[in-house]
């Protein structure tokens, strides 16, 4: 890849940052170009979206909001409950 393209390491960082704040347009563009070509980074982004929604007790985005295999709503609810149980055990 050219030097102007983000590496997988940079994209993983940018995907994480984009969950907390809006990235500048040029960073979003480069990140999305990379995501179109790299199935591993797309998979990582999808996993972050699911974890972010579960940890923030938000509804999952519509099924067409992210591509590729994903968990059912029931599985997400089980994971969310397990995370809550684990957090409450660690606080005690």
PDB file of N, CA and C in Angstrom:
ATOM      1  N   UNK A   1       0.828  -1.185   0.000  1.00  0.00           N
ATOM      2  CA  UNK A   1       0.000   0.000   0.000  1.00  0.00           C
ATOM      3  C   UNK A   1       0.872   1.248   0.000  1.00  0.00           C
ATOM      4  N   UNK A   2       0.317   2.289  -0.484  1.00  0.00           N
ATOM      5  CA  UNK A   2       1.039   3.554  -0.537  1.00  0.00           C
ATOM      6  C   UNK A   2       1.182   4.149   0.845  1.00  0.00           C
ATOM      7  N   UNK A   3       2.111   5.069   0.976  1.00  0.00           N
ATOM      8  CA  UNK A   3       2.364   5.714   2.264  1.00  0.00           C
ATOM      9  C   UNK A   3       1.201   6.596   2.709  1.00  0.00           C
ATOM     10  N   UNK A   4       0.339   7.019   1.795  1.00  0.00           N
ATOM     11  CA  UNK A   4      -0.787   7.882   2.144  1.00  0.00           C
ATOM     12  C   UNK A   4      -1.956   7.100   2.729  1.00  0.00           C
ATOM     13  N   UNK A   5      -1.914   5.767   2.596  1.00  0.00           N
ATOM     14  CA  UNK A   5      -2.988   4.935   3.147  1.00  0.00           C
ATOM     15  C   UNK A   5      -2.686   4.604   4.607  1.00  0.00           C
ATOM     16  N   UNK A   6      -3.740   4.499   5.408  1.00  0.00           N
ATOM     17  CA  UNK A   6      -3.579   4.079   6.788  1.00  0.00           C
ATOM     18  C   UNK A   6      -3.239   2.594   6.830  1.00  0.00           C
ATOM     19  N   UNK A   7      -2.420   2.216   7.777  1.00  0.00           N
ATOM     20  CA  UNK A   7      -2.142   0.805   8.019  1.00  0.00           C
ATOM     21  C   UNK A   7      -3.270   0.233   8.873  1.00  0.00           C
ATOM     22  N   UNK A   8      -3.304  -1.076   9.025  1.00  0.00           N
ATOM     23  CA  UNK A   8      -4.324  -1.707   9.873  1.00  0.00           C
ATOM     24  C   UNK A   8      -4.214  -1.197  11.311  1.00  0.00           C
ATOM     25  N   UNK A   9      -3.008  -1.007  11.782  1.00  0.00           N
ATOM     26  CA  UNK A   9      -2.805  -0.502  13.142  1.00  0.00           C
ATOM     27  C   UNK A   9      -3.405   0.897  13.297  1.00  0.00           C
ATOM     28  N   UNK A  10      -3.168   1.755  12.305  1.00  0.00           N
ATOM     29  CA  UNK A  10      -3.714   3.110  12.348  1.00  0.00           C
ATOM     30  C   UNK A  10      -5.241   3.095  12.232  1.00  0.00           C
ATOM     31  N   UNK A  11      -5.767   2.227  11.383  1.00  0.00           N
ATOM     32  CA  UNK A  11      -7.218   2.146  11.208  1.00  0.00           C
ATOM     33  C   UNK A  11      -7.876   1.667  12.492  1.00  0.00           C
ATOM     34  N   UNK A  12      -7.292   0.693  13.159  1.00  0.00           N
ATOM     35  CA  UNK A  12      -7.891   0.213  14.408  1.00  0.00           C
ATOM     36  C   UNK A  12      -7.944   1.342  15.436  1.00  0.00           C
ATOM     37  N   UNK A  13      -6.911   2.163  15.463  1.00  0.00           N
ATOM     38  CA  UNK A  13      -6.893   3.313  16.369  1.00  0.00           C
ATOM     39  C   UNK A  13      -7.961   4.336  15.976  1.00  0.00           C
ATOM     40  N   UNK A  14      -8.067   4.600  14.674  1.00  0.00           N
ATOM     41  CA  UNK A  14      -9.042   5.582  14.182  1.00  0.00           C
ATOM     42  C   UNK A  14     -10.478   5.098  14.383  1.00  0.00           C
ATOM     43  N   UNK A  15     -10.727   3.817  14.177  1.00  0.00           N
ATOM     44  CA  UNK A  15     -12.063   3.267  14.397  1.00  0.00           C
ATOM     45  C   UNK A  15     -12.449   3.459  15.859  1.00  0.00           C
ATOM     46  N   UNK A  16     -11.534   3.181  16.749  1.00  0.00           N
ATOM     47  CA  UNK A  16     -11.792   3.360  18.174  1.00  0.00           C
ATOM     48  C   UNK A  16     -12.051   4.834  18.501  1.00  0.00           C
ATOM     49  N   UNK A  17     -11.241   5.715  17.964  1.00  0.00           N
ATOM     50  CA  UNK A  17     -11.425   7.158  18.177  1.00  0.00           C
ATOM     51  C   UNK A  17     -12.775   7.619  17.640  1.00  0.00           C
ATOM     52  N   UNK A  18     -13.193   7.060  16.512  1.00  0.00           N
ATOM     53  CA  UNK A  18     -14.445   7.497  15.886  1.00  0.00           C
ATOM     54  C   UNK A  18     -15.658   7.131  16.732  1.00  0.00           C
ATOM     55  N   UNK A  19     -15.499   6.205  17.661  1.00  0.00           N
ATOM     56  CA  UNK A  19     -16.597   5.857  18.572  1.00  0.00           C
ATOM     57  C   UNK A  19     -16.814   6.965  19.607  1.00  0.00           C
ATOM     58  N   UNK A  20     -15.777   7.746  19.863  1.00  0.00           N
ATOM     59  CA  UNK A  20     -15.839   8.774  20.903  1.00  0.00           C
ATOM     60  C   UNK A  20     -16.027  10.183  20.351  1.00  0.00           C
ATOM     61  N   UNK A  21     -15.537  10.406  19.137  1.00  0.00           N
ATOM     62  CA  UNK A  21     -15.628  11.751  18.564  1.00  0.00           C
ATOM     63  C   UNK A  21     -15.653  11.651  17.050  1.00  0.00           C
ATOM     64  N   UNK A  22     -16.107  12.734  16.425  1.00  0.00           N
ATOM     65  CA  UNK A  22     -16.129  12.767  14.964  1.00  0.00           C
ATOM     66  C   UNK A  22     -14.729  13.097  14.450  1.00  0.00           C
ATOM     67  N   UNK A  23     -14.242  12.254  13.566  1.00  0.00           N
ATOM     68  CA  UNK A  23     -12.913  12.465  12.991  1.00  0.00           C
ATOM     69  C   UNK A  23     -12.994  13.511  11.881  1.00  0.00           C
ATOM     70  N   UNK A  24     -11.878  14.182  11.601  1.00  0.00           N
ATOM     71  CA  UNK A  24     -11.844  15.098  10.452  1.00  0.00           C
ATOM     72  C   UNK A  24     -12.153  14.321   9.163  1.00  0.00           C
ATOM     73  N   UNK A  25     -12.697  15.013   8.182  1.00  0.00           N
ATOM     74  CA  UNK A  25     -13.159  14.358   6.959  1.00  0.00           C
ATOM     75  C   UNK A  25     -12.069  13.555   6.264  1.00  0.00           C
ATOM     76  N   UNK A  26     -10.835  14.083   6.233  1.00  0.00           N
ATOM     77  CA  UNK A  26      -9.773  13.368   5.518  1.00  0.00           C
ATOM     78  C   UNK A  26      -9.400  12.072   6.231  1.00  0.00           C
ATOM     79  N   UNK A  27      -9.472  12.056   7.559  1.00  0.00           N
ATOM     80  CA  UNK A  27      -9.198  10.821   8.290  1.00  0.00           C
ATOM     81  C   UNK A  27     -10.325   9.808   8.088  1.00  0.00           C
ATOM     82  N   UNK A  28     -11.568  10.292   8.081  1.00  0.00           N
ATOM     83  CA  UNK A  28     -12.704   9.402   7.814  1.00  0.00           C
ATOM     84  C   UNK A  28     -12.593   8.797   6.422  1.00  0.00           C
ATOM     85  N   UNK A  29     -12.202   9.625   5.453  1.00  0.00           N
ATOM     86  CA  UNK A  29     -12.054   9.149   4.075  1.00  0.00           C
ATOM     87  C   UNK A  29     -11.001   8.049   3.991  1.00  0.00           C
ATOM     88  N   UNK A  30      -9.824   8.305   4.545  1.00  0.00           N
ATOM     89  CA  UNK A  30      -8.751   7.305   4.487  1.00  0.00           C
ATOM     90  C   UNK A  30      -9.133   6.042   5.250  1.00  0.00           C
ATOM     91  N   UNK A  31      -9.799   6.203   6.384  1.00  0.00           N
ATOM     92  CA  UNK A  31     -10.223   5.047   7.163  1.00  0.00           C
ATOM     93  C   UNK A  31     -11.237   4.219   6.373  1.00  0.00           C
ATOM     94  N   UNK A  32     -12.224   4.894   5.764  1.00  0.00           N
ATOM     95  CA  UNK A  32     -13.245   4.174   5.003  1.00  0.00           C
ATOM     96  C   UNK A  32     -12.676   3.508   3.756  1.00  0.00           C
ATOM     97  N   UNK A  33     -11.703   4.134   3.111  1.00  0.00           N
ATOM     98  CA  UNK A  33     -11.036   3.494   1.967  1.00  0.00           C
ATOM     99  C   UNK A  33     -10.358   2.199   2.401  1.00  0.00           C
ATOM    100  N   UNK A  34      -9.687   2.268   3.524  1.00  0.00           N
ATOM    101  CA  UNK A  34      -9.018   1.074   4.041  1.00  0.00           C
ATOM    102  C   UNK A  34     -10.052   0.007   4.400  1.00  0.00           C
ATOM    103  N   UNK A  35     -11.150   0.422   5.056  1.00  0.00           N
ATOM    104  CA  UNK A  35     -12.184  -0.534   5.464  1.00  0.00           C
ATOM    105  C   UNK A  35     -12.828  -1.225   4.264  1.00  0.00           C
ATOM    106  N   UNK A  36     -12.913  -0.529   3.130  1.00  0.00           N
ATOM    107  CA  UNK A  36     -13.483  -1.150   1.931  1.00  0.00           C
ATOM    108  C   UNK A  36     -12.596  -2.274   1.411  1.00  0.00           C
ATOM    109  N   UNK A  37     -11.301  -2.176   1.665  1.00  0.00           N
ATOM    110  CA  UNK A  37     -10.359  -3.154   1.124  1.00  0.00           C
ATOM    111  C   UNK A  37      -9.956  -4.236   2.115  1.00  0.00           C
ATOM    112  N   UNK A  38     -10.119  -3.983   3.405  1.00  0.00           N
ATOM    113  CA  UNK A  38      -9.570  -4.895   4.409  1.00  0.00           C
ATOM    114  C   UNK A  38     -10.687  -5.542   5.227  1.00  0.00           C
ATOM    115  N   UNK A  39     -10.926  -6.820   4.989  1.00  0.00           N
ATOM    116  CA  UNK A  39     -12.012  -7.494   5.698  1.00  0.00           C
ATOM    117  C   UNK A  39     -11.702  -7.658   7.181  1.00  0.00           C
ATOM    118  N   UNK A  40     -10.446  -7.708   7.548  1.00  0.00           N
ATOM    119  CA  UNK A  40     -10.088  -7.871   8.956  1.00  0.00           C
ATOM    120  C   UNK A  40     -10.381  -6.600   9.758  1.00  0.00           C
ATOM    121  N   UNK A  41     -10.109  -5.462   9.168  1.00  0.00           N
ATOM    122  CA  UNK A  41     -10.425  -4.200   9.844  1.00  0.00           C
ATOM    123  C   UNK A  41     -11.930  -3.966   9.893  1.00  0.00           C
ATOM    124  N   UNK A  42     -12.653  -4.386   8.837  1.00  0.00           N
ATOM    125  CA  UNK A  42     -14.119  -4.293   8.869  1.00  0.00           C
ATOM    126  C   UNK A  42     -14.666  -5.159   9.992  1.00  0.00           C
ATOM    127  N   UNK A  43     -14.122  -6.351  10.128  1.00  0.00           N
ATOM    128  CA  UNK A  43     -14.554  -7.259  11.189  1.00  0.00           C
ATOM    129  C   UNK A  43     -14.272  -6.643  12.563  1.00  0.00           C
ATOM    130  N   UNK A  44     -13.101  -6.051  12.706  1.00  0.00           N
ATOM    131  CA  UNK A  44     -12.738  -5.390  13.971  1.00  0.00           C
ATOM    132  C   UNK A  44     -13.719  -4.257  14.278  1.00  0.00           C
ATOM    133  N   UNK A  45     -14.036  -3.451  13.269  1.00  0.00           N
ATOM    134  CA  UNK A  45     -14.980  -2.347  13.467  1.00  0.00           C
ATOM    135  C   UNK A  45     -16.341  -2.882  13.902  1.00  0.00           C
ATOM    136  N   UNK A  46     -16.821  -3.931  13.246  1.00  0.00           N
ATOM    137  CA  UNK A  46     -18.108  -4.511  13.611  1.00  0.00           C
ATOM    138  C   UNK A  46     -18.107  -5.028  15.044  1.00  0.00           C
ATOM    139  N   UNK A  47     -17.001  -5.632  15.465  1.00  0.00           N
ATOM    140  CA  UNK A  47     -16.895  -6.123  16.837  1.00  0.00           C
ATOM    141  C   UNK A  47     -16.916  -4.965  17.830  1.00  0.00           C
ATOM    142  N   UNK A  48     -16.243  -3.872  17.488  1.00  0.00           N
ATOM    143  CA  UNK A  48     -16.258  -2.703  18.369  1.00  0.00           C
ATOM    144  C   UNK A  48     -17.655  -2.107  18.484  1.00  0.00           C
ATOM    145  N   UNK A  49     -18.389  -2.069  17.385  1.00  0.00           N
ATOM    146  CA  UNK A  49     -19.749  -1.525  17.400  1.00  0.00           C
ATOM    147  C   UNK A  49     -20.622  -2.355  18.345  1.00  0.00           C
ATOM    148  N   UNK A  50     -20.532  -3.669  18.246  1.00  0.00           N
ATOM    149  CA  UNK A  50     -21.330  -4.543  19.114  1.00  0.00           C
ATOM    150  C   UNK A  50     -20.945  -4.345  20.570  1.00  0.00           C
ATOM    151  N   UNK A  51     -19.644  -4.309  20.861  1.00  0.00           N
ATOM    152  CA  UNK A  51     -19.202  -4.117  22.254  1.00  0.00           C
ATOM    153  C   UNK A  51     -19.608  -2.744  22.773  1.00  0.00           C
ATOM    154  N   UNK A  52     -19.464  -1.719  21.942  1.00  0.00           N
ATOM    155  CA  UNK A  52     -19.821  -0.361  22.346  1.00  0.00           C
ATOM    156  C   UNK A  52     -21.305  -0.284  22.707  1.00  0.00           C
ATOM    157  N   UNK A  53     -22.137  -0.876  21.876  1.00  0.00           N
ATOM    158  CA  UNK A  53     -23.576  -0.864  22.135  1.00  0.00           C
ATOM    159  C   UNK A  53     -23.909  -1.636  23.406  1.00  0.00           C
ATOM    160  N   UNK A  54     -23.279  -2.783  23.585  1.00  0.00           N
ATOM    161  CA  UNK A  54     -23.562  -3.602  24.765  1.00  0.00           C
ATOM    162  C   UNK A  54     -23.108  -2.908  26.041  1.00  0.00           C
ATOM    163  N   UNK A  55     -21.943  -2.314  26.013  1.00  0.00           N
ATOM    164  CA  UNK A  55     -21.412  -1.678  27.221  1.00  0.00           C
ATOM    165  C   UNK A  55     -22.125  -0.383  27.562  1.00  0.00           C
ATOM    166  N   UNK A  56     -22.682   0.271  26.577  1.00  0.00           N
ATOM    167  CA  UNK A  56     -23.395   1.520  26.823  1.00  0.00           C
ATOM    168  C   UNK A  56     -24.895   1.324  26.911  1.00  0.00           C
ATOM    169  N   UNK A  57     -25.334   0.069  26.974  1.00  0.00           N
ATOM    170  CA  UNK A  57     -26.750  -0.277  27.080  1.00  0.00           C
ATOM    171  C   UNK A  57     -27.588   0.394  26.002  1.00  0.00           C
ATOM    172  N   UNK A  58     -27.042   0.511  24.823  1.00  0.00           N
ATOM    173  CA  UNK A  58     -27.756   1.083  23.691  1.00  0.00           C
ATOM    174  C   UNK A  58     -28.341  -0.052  22.865  1.00  0.00           C
ATOM    175  N   UNK A  59     -29.332   0.267  22.092  1.00  0.00           N
ATOM    176  CA  UNK A  59     -29.841  -0.701  21.123  1.00  0.00           C
ATOM    177  C   UNK A  59     -28.796  -0.889  20.049  1.00  0.00           C
ATOM    178  N   UNK A  60     -28.749  -2.096  19.524  1.00  0.00           N
ATOM    179  CA  UNK A  60     -27.835  -2.345  18.423  1.00  0.00           C
ATOM    180  C   UNK A  60     -28.309  -1.595  17.195  1.00  0.00           C
ATOM    181  N   UNK A  61     -27.361  -1.190  16.334  1.00  0.00           N
ATOM    182  CA  UNK A  61     -27.770  -0.531  15.091  1.00  0.00           C
ATOM    183  C   UNK A  61     -28.552  -1.515  14.228  1.00  0.00           C
ATOM    184  N   UNK A  62     -29.313  -1.026  13.258  1.00  0.00           N
ATOM    185  CA  UNK A  62     -30.039  -1.936  12.366  1.00  0.00           C
ATOM    186  C   UNK A  62     -29.075  -2.923  11.726  1.00  0.00           C
ATOM    187  N   UNK A  63     -29.579  -4.109  11.401  1.00  0.00           N
ATOM    188  CA  UNK A  63     -28.717  -5.162  10.863  1.00  0.00           C
ATOM    189  C   UNK A  63     -27.954  -4.739   9.616  1.00  0.00           C
ATOM    190  N   UNK A  64     -28.498  -3.817   8.829  1.00  0.00           N
ATOM    191  CA  UNK A  64     -27.802  -3.389   7.615  1.00  0.00           C
ATOM    192  C   UNK A  64     -26.781  -2.290   7.889  1.00  0.00           C
ATOM    193  N   UNK A  65     -26.612  -1.876   9.166  1.00  0.00           N
ATOM    194  CA  UNK A  65     -25.667  -0.809   9.490  1.00  0.00           C
ATOM    195  C   UNK A  65     -24.227  -1.291   9.428  1.00  0.00           C
ATOM    196  N   UNK A  66     -24.034  -2.578   9.572  1.00  0.00           N
ATOM    197  CA  UNK A  66     -22.681  -3.124   9.431  1.00  0.00           C
ATOM    198  C   UNK A  66     -22.784  -4.458   8.708  1.00  0.00           C
ATOM    199  N   UNK A  67     -21.783  -4.724   7.908  1.00  0.00           N
ATOM    200  CA  UNK A  67     -21.845  -5.919   7.086  1.00  0.00           C
ATOM    201  C   UNK A  67     -21.091  -7.058   7.748  1.00  0.00           C
ATOM    202  N   UNK A  68     -21.301  -8.219   7.232  1.00  0.00           N
ATOM    203  CA  UNK A  68     -20.583  -9.371   7.733  1.00  0.00           C
ATOM    204  C   UNK A  68     -21.357 -10.068   8.837  1.00  0.00           C
ATOM    205  N   UNK A  69     -20.811 -11.182   9.327  1.00  0.00           N
ATOM    206  CA  UNK A  69     -21.501 -11.935  10.369  1.00  0.00           C
ATOM    207  C   UNK A  69     -21.581 -11.125  11.658  1.00  0.00           C
ATOM    208  N   UNK A  70     -22.675 -11.281  12.367  1.00  0.00           N
ATOM    209  CA  UNK A  70     -22.836 -10.576  13.621  1.00  0.00           C
ATOM    210  C   UNK A  70     -23.700 -11.412  14.551  1.00  0.00           C
ATOM    211  N   UNK A  71     -23.745 -11.027  15.800  1.00  0.00           N
ATOM    212  CA  UNK A  71     -24.484 -11.767  16.806  1.00  0.00           C
ATOM    213  C   UNK A  71     -25.968 -11.444  16.747  1.00  0.00           C
ATOM    214  N   UNK A  72     -26.764 -12.406  17.147  1.00  0.00           N
ATOM    215  CA  UNK A  72     -28.196 -12.162  17.252  1.00  0.00           C
ATOM    216  C   UNK A  72     -28.455 -11.244  18.437  1.00  0.00           C
ATOM    217  N   UNK A  73     -29.600 -10.653  18.471  1.00  0.00           N
ATOM    218  CA  UNK A  73     -29.957  -9.774  19.594  1.00  0.00           C
ATOM    219  C   UNK A  73     -29.956 -10.545  20.910  1.00  0.00           C
ATOM    220  N   UNK A  74     -30.410 -11.803  20.888  1.00  0.00           N
ATOM    221  CA  UNK A  74     -30.413 -12.613  22.104  1.00  0.00           C
ATOM    222  C   UNK A  74     -29.001 -12.852  22.611  1.00  0.00           C
ATOM    223  N   UNK A  75     -28.075 -13.130  21.696  1.00  0.00           N
ATOM    224  CA  UNK A  75     -26.684 -13.340  22.084  1.00  0.00           C
ATOM    225  C   UNK A  75     -26.097 -12.059  22.664  1.00  0.00           C
ATOM    226  N   UNK A  76     -26.429 -10.932  22.063  1.00  0.00           N
ATOM    227  CA  UNK A  76     -25.940  -9.644  22.576  1.00  0.00           C
ATOM    228  C   UNK A  76     -26.466  -9.384  23.979  1.00  0.00           C
ATOM    229  N   UNK A  77     -27.736  -9.712  24.204  1.00  0.00           N
ATOM    230  CA  UNK A  77     -28.309  -9.520  25.534  1.00  0.00           C
ATOM    231  C   UNK A  77     -27.632 -10.423  26.560  1.00  0.00           C
ATOM    232  N   UNK A  78     -27.326 -11.664  26.188  1.00  0.00           N
ATOM    233  CA  UNK A  78     -26.623 -12.574  27.112  1.00  0.00           C
ATOM    234  C   UNK A  78     -25.235 -12.037  27.437  1.00  0.00           C
ATOM    235  N   UNK A  79     -24.533 -11.528  26.436  1.00  0.00           N
ATOM    236  CA  UNK A  79     -23.198 -10.971  26.661  1.00  0.00           C
ATOM    237  C   UNK A  79     -23.291  -9.734  27.543  1.00  0.00           C
ATOM    238  N   UNK A  80     -24.262  -8.875  27.271  1.00  0.00           N
ATOM    239  CA  UNK A  80     -24.438  -7.668  28.065  1.00  0.00           C
ATOM    240  C   UNK A  80     -24.685  -8.029  29.539  1.00  0.00           C
ATOM    241  N   UNK A  81     -25.547  -9.031  29.773  1.00  0.00           N
ATOM    242  CA  UNK A  81     -25.845  -9.443  31.142  1.00  0.00           C
ATOM    243  C   UNK A  81     -24.607 -10.037  31.809  1.00  0.00           C
ATOM    244  N   UNK A  82     -23.844 -10.834  31.062  1.00  0.00           N
ATOM    245  CA  UNK A  82     -22.624 -11.429  31.623  1.00  0.00           C
ATOM    246  C   UNK A  82     -21.611 -10.351  31.987  1.00  0.00           C
ATOM    247  N   UNK A  83     -21.491  -9.319  31.141  1.00  0.00           N
ATOM    248  CA  UNK A  83     -20.579  -8.217  31.445  1.00  0.00           C
ATOM    249  C   UNK A  83     -21.027  -7.458  32.688  1.00  0.00           C
ATOM    250  N   UNK A  84     -22.339  -7.216  32.806  1.00  0.00           N
ATOM    251  CA  UNK A  84     -22.853  -6.532  33.993  1.00  0.00           C
ATOM    252  C   UNK A  84     -22.596  -7.356  35.246  1.00  0.00           C
ATOM    253  N   UNK A  85     -22.838  -8.674  35.156  1.00  0.00           N
ATOM    254  CA  UNK A  85     -22.593  -9.557  36.302  1.00  0.00           C
ATOM    255  C   UNK A  85     -21.126  -9.540  36.706  1.00  0.00           C
ATOM    256  N   UNK A  86     -20.251  -9.586  35.713  1.00  0.00           N
ATOM    257  CA  UNK A  86     -18.809  -9.574  35.975  1.00  0.00           C
ATOM    258  C   UNK A  86     -18.394  -8.259  36.629  1.00  0.00           C
ATOM    259  N   UNK A  87     -18.925  -7.142  36.143  1.00  0.00           N
ATOM    260  CA  UNK A  87     -18.595  -5.846  36.725  1.00  0.00           C
ATOM    261  C   UNK A  87     -19.068  -5.751  38.167  1.00  0.00           C
ATOM    262  N   UNK A  88     -20.258  -6.251  38.441  1.00  0.00           N
ATOM    263  CA  UNK A  88     -20.769  -6.180  39.805  1.00  0.00           C
ATOM    264  C   UNK A  88     -19.972  -7.071  40.744  1.00  0.00           C
ATOM    265  N   UNK A  89     -19.503  -8.222  40.280  1.00  0.00           N
ATOM    266  CA  UNK A  89     -18.662  -9.111  41.087  1.00  0.00           C
ATOM    267  C   UNK A  89     -17.314  -8.464  41.385  1.00  0.00           C
ATOM    268  N   UNK A  90     -16.760  -7.755  40.412  1.00  0.00           N
ATOM    269  CA  UNK A  90     -15.450  -7.116  40.595  1.00  0.00           C
ATOM    270  C   UNK A  90     -15.517  -5.941  41.557  1.00  0.00           C
ATOM    271  N   UNK A  91     -16.681  -5.307  41.670  1.00  0.00           N
ATOM    272  CA  UNK A  91     -16.832  -4.168  42.570  1.00  0.00           C
ATOM    273  C   UNK A  91     -16.921  -4.604  44.028  1.00  0.00           C
ATOM    274  N   UNK A  92     -17.318  -5.848  44.247  1.00  0.00           N
ATOM    275  CA  UNK A  92     -17.494  -6.343  45.620  1.00  0.00           C
ATOM    276  C   UNK A  92     -16.200  -6.814  46.214  1.00  0.00           C
TER     277      UNK A  92
END
